[in-house]
Amino acid sequence: AAGQVARLLTDDLLDQTDFQLVLYGRNVSTRL
């Protein structure tokens, strides 16, 4: 989830849907 493409996807999903997201990756709790 901390990668560039995943960040774009996350922003789009949050803006355009009401989905709940789980972001998984190395150090995401600090990076995101």
ModelCIF file with pLDDT and N, C-alpha, C, O atoms, coordinates in Angstrom:
data_MODEL
#
_entry.id   MODEL 
#
_entity.id                         1 
_entity.type                       polymer 
_entity.pdbx_number_of_molecules   1 
#
_entity_poly.entity_id                      1 
_entity_poly.type                           'polypeptide(L)' 
_entity_poly.nstd_linkage                   no 
_entity_poly.nstd_monomer                   no 
_entity_poly.pdbx_seq_one_letter_code       AAGQVARLLTDDLLDQTDFQLVLYGRNVSTRL 
_entity_poly.pdbx_seq_one_letter_code_can   AAGQVARLLTDDLLDQTDFQLVLYGRNVSTRL 
_entity_poly.pdbx_strand_id                 A 
#
loop_
_entity_poly_seq.entity_id 
_entity_poly_seq.num 
_entity_poly_seq.mon_id 
_entity_poly_seq.hetero 
1 1  ALA n 
1 2  ALA n 
1 3  GLY n 
1 4  GLN n 
1 5  VAL n 
1 6  ALA n 
1 7  ARG n 
1 8  LEU n 
1 9  LEU n 
1 10 THR n 
1 11 ASP n 
1 12 ASP n 
1 13 LEU n 
1 14 LEU n 
1 15 ASP n 
1 16 GLN n 
1 17 THR n 
1 18 ASP n 
1 19 PHE n 
1 20 GLN n 
1 21 LEU n 
1 22 VAL n 
1 23 LEU n 
1 24 TYR n 
1 25 GLY n 
1 26 ARG n 
1 27 ASN n 
1 28 VAL n 
1 29 SER n 
1 30 THR n 
1 31 ARG n 
1 32 LEU n 
#
_struct_asym.id          A 
_struct_asym.entity_id   1 
#
loop_
_ma_qa_metric.id 
_ma_qa_metric.mode 
_ma_qa_metric.name 
_ma_qa_metric.software_group_id 
_ma_qa_metric.type 
1 global pLDDT . pLDDT 
2 local  pLDDT . pLDDT 
#
_ma_qa_metric_global.metric_id      1 
_ma_qa_metric_global.metric_value   95.44 
_ma_qa_metric_global.model_id       1 
_ma_qa_metric_global.ordinal_id     1 
#
loop_
_ma_qa_metric_local.label_asym_id 
_ma_qa_metric_local.label_comp_id 
_ma_qa_metric_local.label_seq_id 
_ma_qa_metric_local.metric_id 
_ma_qa_metric_local.metric_value 
_ma_qa_metric_local.model_id 
_ma_qa_metric_local.ordinal_id 
A ALA 1  2 94.00 1 1  
A ALA 2  2 91.00 1 2  
A GLY 3  2 92.00 1 3  
A GLN 4  2 94.00 1 4  
A VAL 5  2 96.00 1 5  
A ALA 6  2 95.00 1 6  
A ARG 7  2 94.00 1 7  
A LEU 8  2 96.00 1 8  
A LEU 9  2 96.00 1 9  
A THR 10 2 96.00 1 10 
A ASP 11 2 96.00 1 11 
A ASP 12 2 97.00 1 12 
A LEU 13 2 97.00 1 13 
A LEU 14 2 96.00 1 14 
A ASP 15 2 97.00 1 15 
A GLN 16 2 98.00 1 16 
A THR 17 2 97.00 1 17 
A ASP 18 2 96.00 1 18 
A PHE 19 2 97.00 1 19 
A GLN 20 2 98.00 1 20 
A LEU 21 2 97.00 1 21 
A VAL 22 2 97.00 1 22 
A LEU 23 2 97.00 1 23 
A TYR 24 2 97.00 1 24 
A GLY 25 2 95.00 1 25 
A ARG 26 2 93.00 1 26 
A ASN 27 2 93.00 1 27 
A VAL 28 2 95.00 1 28 
A SER 29 2 94.00 1 29 
A THR 30 2 94.00 1 30 
A ARG 31 2 94.00 1 31 
A LEU 32 2 95.00 1 32 
#
loop_
_atom_site.group_PDB 
_atom_site.id 
_atom_site.type_symbol 
_atom_site.label_atom_id 
_atom_site.label_alt_id 
_atom_site.label_comp_id 
_atom_site.label_asym_id 
_atom_site.label_entity_id 
_atom_site.label_seq_id 
_atom_site.pdbx_PDB_ins_code 
_atom_site.Cartn_x 
_atom_site.Cartn_y 
_atom_site.Cartn_z 
_atom_site.occupancy 
_atom_site.B_iso_or_equiv 
_atom_site.pdbx_formal_charge 
_atom_site.auth_seq_id 
_atom_site.auth_comp_id 
_atom_site.auth_asym_id 
_atom_site.auth_atom_id 
_atom_site.pdbx_PDB_model_num 
ATOM 1   N N  . ALA A 1 1  ? 0.785   -1.227 0.000  1.00 94.00 ? 1  ALA A N  1 
ATOM 2   C CA . ALA A 1 1  ? 0.000   0.000  0.000  1.00 94.00 ? 1  ALA A CA 1 
ATOM 3   C C  . ALA A 1 1  ? 0.824   1.286  0.000  1.00 94.00 ? 1  ALA A C  1 
ATOM 4   O O  . ALA A 1 1  ? 0.295   2.347  -0.334 1.00 94.00 ? 1  ALA A O  1 
ATOM 5   N N  . ALA A 1 2  ? 2.088   1.220  0.362  1.00 91.00 ? 2  ALA A N  1 
ATOM 6   C CA . ALA A 1 2  ? 2.901   2.433  0.400  1.00 91.00 ? 2  ALA A CA 1 
ATOM 7   C C  . ALA A 1 2  ? 3.497   2.773  -0.958 1.00 91.00 ? 2  ALA A C  1 
ATOM 8   O O  . ALA A 1 2  ? 4.128   3.819  -1.112 1.00 91.00 ? 2  ALA A O  1 
ATOM 9   N N  . GLY A 1 3  ? 3.302   1.902  -1.944 1.00 92.00 ? 3  GLY A N  1 
ATOM 10  C CA . GLY A 1 3  ? 3.818   2.155  -3.284 1.00 92.00 ? 3  GLY A CA 1 
ATOM 11  C C  . GLY A 1 3  ? 3.021   3.230  -4.010 1.00 92.00 ? 3  GLY A C  1 
ATOM 12  O O  . GLY A 1 3  ? 1.906   3.567  -3.613 1.00 92.00 ? 3  GLY A O  1 
ATOM 13  N N  . GLN A 1 4  ? 3.603   3.759  -5.071 1.00 94.00 ? 4  GLN A N  1 
ATOM 14  C CA . GLN A 1 4  ? 3.004   4.873  -5.798 1.00 94.00 ? 4  GLN A CA 1 
ATOM 15  C C  . GLN A 1 4  ? 1.655   4.519  -6.424 1.00 94.00 ? 4  GLN A C  1 
ATOM 16  O O  . GLN A 1 4  ? 0.702   5.287  -6.295 1.00 94.00 ? 4  GLN A O  1 
ATOM 17  N N  . VAL A 1 5  ? 1.557   3.384  -7.092 1.00 96.00 ? 5  VAL A N  1 
ATOM 18  C CA . VAL A 1 5  ? 0.302   2.985  -7.730 1.00 96.00 ? 5  VAL A CA 1 
ATOM 19  C C  . VAL A 1 5  ? -0.767  2.712  -6.672 1.00 96.00 ? 5  VAL A C  1 
ATOM 20  O O  . VAL A 1 5  ? -1.917  3.121  -6.827 1.00 96.00 ? 5  VAL A O  1 
ATOM 21  N N  . ALA A 1 6  ? -0.385  2.024  -5.603 1.00 95.00 ? 6  ALA A N  1 
ATOM 22  C CA . ALA A 1 6  ? -1.342  1.710  -4.546 1.00 95.00 ? 6  ALA A CA 1 
ATOM 23  C C  . ALA A 1 6  ? -1.864  2.979  -3.870 1.00 95.00 ? 6  ALA A C  1 
ATOM 24  O O  . ALA A 1 6  ? -3.030  3.036  -3.480 1.00 95.00 ? 6  ALA A O  1 
ATOM 25  N N  . ARG A 1 7  ? -1.024  3.980  -3.732 1.00 94.00 ? 7  ARG A N  1 
ATOM 26  C CA . ARG A 1 7  ? -1.486  5.249  -3.140 1.00 94.00 ? 7  ARG A CA 1 
ATOM 27  C C  . ARG A 1 7  ? -2.522  5.922  -4.027 1.00 94.00 ? 7  ARG A C  1 
ATOM 28  O O  . ARG A 1 7  ? -3.512  6.459  -3.532 1.00 94.00 ? 7  ARG A O  1 
ATOM 29  N N  . LEU A 1 8  ? -2.301  5.895  -5.328 1.00 96.00 ? 8  LEU A N  1 
ATOM 30  C CA . LEU A 1 8  ? -3.285  6.462  -6.257 1.00 96.00 ? 8  LEU A CA 1 
ATOM 31  C C  . LEU A 1 8  ? -4.599  5.699  -6.194 1.00 96.00 ? 8  LEU A C  1 
ATOM 32  O O  . LEU A 1 8  ? -5.672  6.300  -6.168 1.00 96.00 ? 8  LEU A O  1 
ATOM 33  N N  . LEU A 1 9  ? -4.512  4.375  -6.168 1.00 96.00 ? 9  LEU A N  1 
ATOM 34  C CA . LEU A 1 9  ? -5.706  3.541  -6.068 1.00 96.00 ? 9  LEU A CA 1 
ATOM 35  C C  . LEU A 1 9  ? -6.459  3.820  -4.773 1.00 96.00 ? 9  LEU A C  1 
ATOM 36  O O  . LEU A 1 9  ? -7.684  3.934  -4.778 1.00 96.00 ? 9  LEU A O  1 
ATOM 37  N N  . THR A 1 10 ? -5.736  3.931  -3.671 1.00 96.00 ? 10 THR A N  1 
ATOM 38  C CA . THR A 1 10 ? -6.351  4.220  -2.376 1.00 96.00 ? 10 THR A CA 1 
ATOM 39  C C  . THR A 1 10 ? -7.118  5.530  -2.414 1.00 96.00 ? 10 THR A C  1 
ATOM 40  O O  . THR A 1 10 ? -8.265  5.593  -1.972 1.00 96.00 ? 10 THR A O  1 
ATOM 41  N N  . ASP A 1 11 ? -6.494  6.575  -2.939 1.00 96.00 ? 11 ASP A N  1 
ATOM 42  C CA . ASP A 1 11 ? -7.161  7.881  -3.029 1.00 96.00 ? 11 ASP A CA 1 
ATOM 43  C C  . ASP A 1 11 ? -8.429  7.798  -3.880 1.00 96.00 ? 11 ASP A C  1 
ATOM 44  O O  . ASP A 1 11 ? -9.467  8.349  -3.511 1.00 96.00 ? 11 ASP A O  1 
ATOM 45  N N  . ASP A 1 12 ? -8.341  7.107  -5.024 1.00 97.00 ? 12 ASP A N  1 
ATOM 46  C CA . ASP A 1 12 ? -9.510  6.974  -5.901 1.00 97.00 ? 12 ASP A CA 1 
ATOM 47  C C  . ASP A 1 12 ? -10.635 6.196  -5.219 1.00 97.00 ? 12 ASP A C  1 
ATOM 48  O O  . ASP A 1 12 ? -11.797 6.593  -5.299 1.00 97.00 ? 12 ASP A O  1 
ATOM 49  N N  . LEU A 1 13 ? -10.301 5.099  -4.555 1.00 97.00 ? 13 LEU A N  1 
ATOM 50  C CA . LEU A 1 13 ? -11.330 4.313  -3.877 1.00 97.00 ? 13 LEU A CA 1 
ATOM 51  C C  . LEU A 1 13 ? -11.989 5.092  -2.751 1.00 97.00 ? 13 LEU A C  1 
ATOM 52  O O  . LEU A 1 13 ? -13.200 4.992  -2.558 1.00 97.00 ? 13 LEU A O  1 
ATOM 53  N N  . LEU A 1 14 ? -11.213 5.862  -2.010 1.00 96.00 ? 14 LEU A N  1 
ATOM 54  C CA . LEU A 1 14 ? -11.791 6.653  -0.926 1.00 96.00 ? 14 LEU A CA 1 
ATOM 55  C C  . LEU A 1 14 ? -12.700 7.761  -1.461 1.00 96.00 ? 14 LEU A C  1 
ATOM 56  O O  . LEU A 1 14 ? -13.726 8.076  -0.858 1.00 96.00 ? 14 LEU A O  1 
ATOM 57  N N  . ASP A 1 15 ? -12.317 8.348  -2.593 1.00 97.00 ? 15 ASP A N  1 
ATOM 58  C CA . ASP A 1 15 ? -13.115 9.433  -3.179 1.00 97.00 ? 15 ASP A CA 1 
ATOM 59  C C  . ASP A 1 15 ? -14.378 8.933  -3.874 1.00 97.00 ? 15 ASP A C  1 
ATOM 60  O O  . ASP A 1 15 ? -15.414 9.595  -3.824 1.00 97.00 ? 15 ASP A O  1 
ATOM 61  N N  . GLN A 1 16 ? -14.303 7.776  -4.520 1.00 98.00 ? 16 GLN A N  1 
ATOM 62  C CA . GLN A 1 16 ? -15.374 7.347  -5.415 1.00 98.00 ? 16 GLN A CA 1 
ATOM 63  C C  . GLN A 1 16 ? -16.263 6.231  -4.876 1.00 98.00 ? 16 GLN A C  1 
ATOM 64  O O  . GLN A 1 16 ? -17.267 5.889  -5.500 1.00 98.00 ? 16 GLN A O  1 
ATOM 65  N N  . THR A 1 17 ? -15.909 5.656  -3.721 1.00 97.00 ? 17 THR A N  1 
ATOM 66  C CA . THR A 1 17 ? -16.696 4.544  -3.184 1.00 97.00 ? 17 THR A CA 1 
ATOM 67  C C  . THR A 1 17 ? -16.908 4.742  -1.685 1.00 97.00 ? 17 THR A C  1 
ATOM 68  O O  . THR A 1 17 ? -16.403 5.697  -1.094 1.00 97.00 ? 17 THR A O  1 
ATOM 69  N N  . ASP A 1 18 ? -17.658 3.831  -1.087 1.00 96.00 ? 18 ASP A N  1 
ATOM 70  C CA . ASP A 1 18 ? -17.798 3.821  0.368  1.00 96.00 ? 18 ASP A CA 1 
ATOM 71  C C  . ASP A 1 18 ? -17.166 2.559  0.952  1.00 96.00 ? 18 ASP A C  1 
ATOM 72  O O  . ASP A 1 18 ? -17.507 2.148  2.061  1.00 96.00 ? 18 ASP A O  1 
ATOM 73  N N  . PHE A 1 19 ? -16.235 1.940  0.200  1.00 97.00 ? 19 PHE A N  1 
ATOM 74  C CA . PHE A 1 19 ? -15.560 0.725  0.638  1.00 97.00 ? 19 PHE A CA 1 
ATOM 75  C C  . PHE A 1 19 ? -14.712 0.984  1.872  1.00 97.00 ? 19 PHE A C  1 
ATOM 76  O O  . PHE A 1 19 ? -14.233 2.096  2.094  1.00 97.00 ? 19 PHE A O  1 
ATOM 77  N N  . GLN A 1 20 ? -14.536 -0.065 2.671  1.00 98.00 ? 20 GLN A N  1 
ATOM 78  C CA . GLN A 1 20 ? -13.577 -0.039 3.764  1.00 98.00 ? 20 GLN A CA 1 
ATOM 79  C C  . GLN A 1 20 ? -12.280 -0.623 3.220  1.00 98.00 ? 20 GLN A C  1 
ATOM 80  O O  . GLN A 1 20 ? -12.305 -1.622 2.501  1.00 98.00 ? 20 GLN A O  1 
ATOM 81  N N  . LEU A 1 21 ? -11.145 -0.008 3.556  1.00 97.00 ? 21 LEU A N  1 
ATOM 82  C CA . LEU A 1 21 ? -9.859  -0.446 3.017  1.00 97.00 ? 21 LEU A CA 1 
ATOM 83  C C  . LEU A 1 21 ? -8.950  -0.943 4.130  1.00 97.00 ? 21 LEU A C  1 
ATOM 84  O O  . LEU A 1 21 ? -8.941  -0.405 5.238  1.00 97.00 ? 21 LEU A O  1 
ATOM 85  N N  . VAL A 1 22 ? -8.189  -1.977 3.812  1.00 97.00 ? 22 VAL A N  1 
ATOM 86  C CA . VAL A 1 22 ? -7.116  -2.453 4.673  1.00 97.00 ? 22 VAL A CA 1 
ATOM 87  C C  . VAL A 1 22 ? -5.837  -2.252 3.875  1.00 97.00 ? 22 VAL A C  1 
ATOM 88  O O  . VAL A 1 22 ? -5.653  -2.873 2.829  1.00 97.00 ? 22 VAL A O  1 
ATOM 89  N N  . LEU A 1 23 ? -4.956  -1.391 4.360  1.00 97.00 ? 23 LEU A N  1 
ATOM 90  C CA . LEU A 1 23 ? -3.702  -1.100 3.671  1.00 97.00 ? 23 LEU A CA 1 
ATOM 91  C C  . LEU A 1 23 ? -2.594  -1.899 4.347  1.00 97.00 ? 23 LEU A C  1 
ATOM 92  O O  . LEU A 1 23 ? -2.331  -1.732 5.537  1.00 97.00 ? 23 LEU A O  1 
ATOM 93  N N  . TYR A 1 24 ? -1.948  -2.768 3.572  1.00 97.00 ? 24 TYR A N  1 
ATOM 94  C CA . TYR A 1 24 ? -0.948  -3.682 4.101  1.00 97.00 ? 24 TYR A CA 1 
ATOM 95  C C  . TYR A 1 24 ? 0.382   -3.410 3.422  1.00 97.00 ? 24 TYR A C  1 
ATOM 96  O O  . TYR A 1 24 ? 0.447   -3.279 2.199  1.00 97.00 ? 24 TYR A O  1 
ATOM 97  N N  . GLY A 1 25 ? 1.436   -3.326 4.208  1.00 95.00 ? 25 GLY A N  1 
ATOM 98  C CA . GLY A 1 25 ? 2.764   -3.158 3.641  1.00 95.00 ? 25 GLY A CA 1 
ATOM 99  C C  . GLY A 1 25 ? 3.777   -2.843 4.711  1.00 95.00 ? 25 GLY A C  1 
ATOM 100 O O  . GLY A 1 25 ? 3.448   -2.757 5.894  1.00 95.00 ? 25 GLY A O  1 
ATOM 101 N N  . ARG A 1 26 ? 4.997   -2.673 4.291  1.00 93.00 ? 26 ARG A N  1 
ATOM 102 C CA . ARG A 1 26 ? 6.091   -2.399 5.218  1.00 93.00 ? 26 ARG A CA 1 
ATOM 103 C C  . ARG A 1 26 ? 5.971   -0.978 5.777  1.00 93.00 ? 26 ARG A C  1 
ATOM 104 O O  . ARG A 1 26 ? 5.963   -0.003 5.026  1.00 93.00 ? 26 ARG A O  1 
ATOM 105 N N  . ASN A 1 27 ? 5.880   -0.881 7.090  1.00 93.00 ? 27 ASN A N  1 
ATOM 106 C CA . ASN A 1 27 ? 5.836   0.399  7.815  1.00 93.00 ? 27 ASN A CA 1 
ATOM 107 C C  . ASN A 1 27 ? 4.683   1.313  7.393  1.00 93.00 ? 27 ASN A C  1 
ATOM 108 O O  . ASN A 1 27 ? 4.833   2.534  7.435  1.00 93.00 ? 27 ASN A O  1 
ATOM 109 N N  . VAL A 1 28 ? 3.542   0.758  6.990  1.00 95.00 ? 28 VAL A N  1 
ATOM 110 C CA . VAL A 1 28 ? 2.437   1.607  6.557  1.00 95.00 ? 28 VAL A CA 1 
ATOM 111 C C  . VAL A 1 28 ? 1.858   2.436  7.702  1.00 95.00 ? 28 VAL A C  1 
ATOM 112 O O  . VAL A 1 28 ? 1.310   3.513  7.467  1.00 95.00 ? 28 VAL A O  1 
ATOM 113 N N  . SER A 1 29 ? 1.973   1.950  8.928  1.00 94.00 ? 29 SER A N  1 
ATOM 114 C CA . SER A 1 29 ? 1.412   2.726  10.045 1.00 94.00 ? 29 SER A CA 1 
ATOM 115 C C  . SER A 1 29 ? 2.132   4.058  10.224 1.00 94.00 ? 29 SER A C  1 
ATOM 116 O O  . SER A 1 29 ? 1.547   5.007  10.745 1.00 94.00 ? 29 SER A O  1 
ATOM 117 N N  . THR A 1 30 ? 3.386   4.141  9.804  1.00 94.00 ? 30 THR A N  1 
ATOM 118 C CA . THR A 1 30 ? 4.091   5.426  9.860  1.00 94.00 ? 30 THR A CA 1 
ATOM 119 C C  . THR A 1 30 ? 4.070   6.131  8.508  1.00 94.00 ? 30 THR A C  1 
ATOM 120 O O  . THR A 1 30 ? 3.936   7.354  8.455  1.00 94.00 ? 30 THR A O  1 
ATOM 121 N N  . ARG A 1 31 ? 4.201   5.385  7.421  1.00 94.00 ? 31 ARG A N  1 
ATOM 122 C CA . ARG A 1 31 ? 4.264   5.991  6.092  1.00 94.00 ? 31 ARG A CA 1 
ATOM 123 C C  . ARG A 1 31 ? 2.918   6.520  5.614  1.00 94.00 ? 31 ARG A C  1 
ATOM 124 O O  . ARG A 1 31 ? 2.873   7.476  4.840  1.00 94.00 ? 31 ARG A O  1 
ATOM 125 N N  . LEU A 1 32 ? 1.816   5.913  6.065  1.00 95.00 ? 32 LEU A N  1 
ATOM 126 C CA . LEU A 1 32 ? 0.484   6.316  5.617  1.00 95.00 ? 32 LEU A CA 1 
ATOM 127 C C  . LEU A 1 32 ? -0.405  6.730  6.787  1.00 95.00 ? 32 LEU A C  1 
ATOM 128 O O  . LEU A 1 32 ? -1.562  7.099  6.584  1.00 95.00 ? 32 LEU A O  1 
#
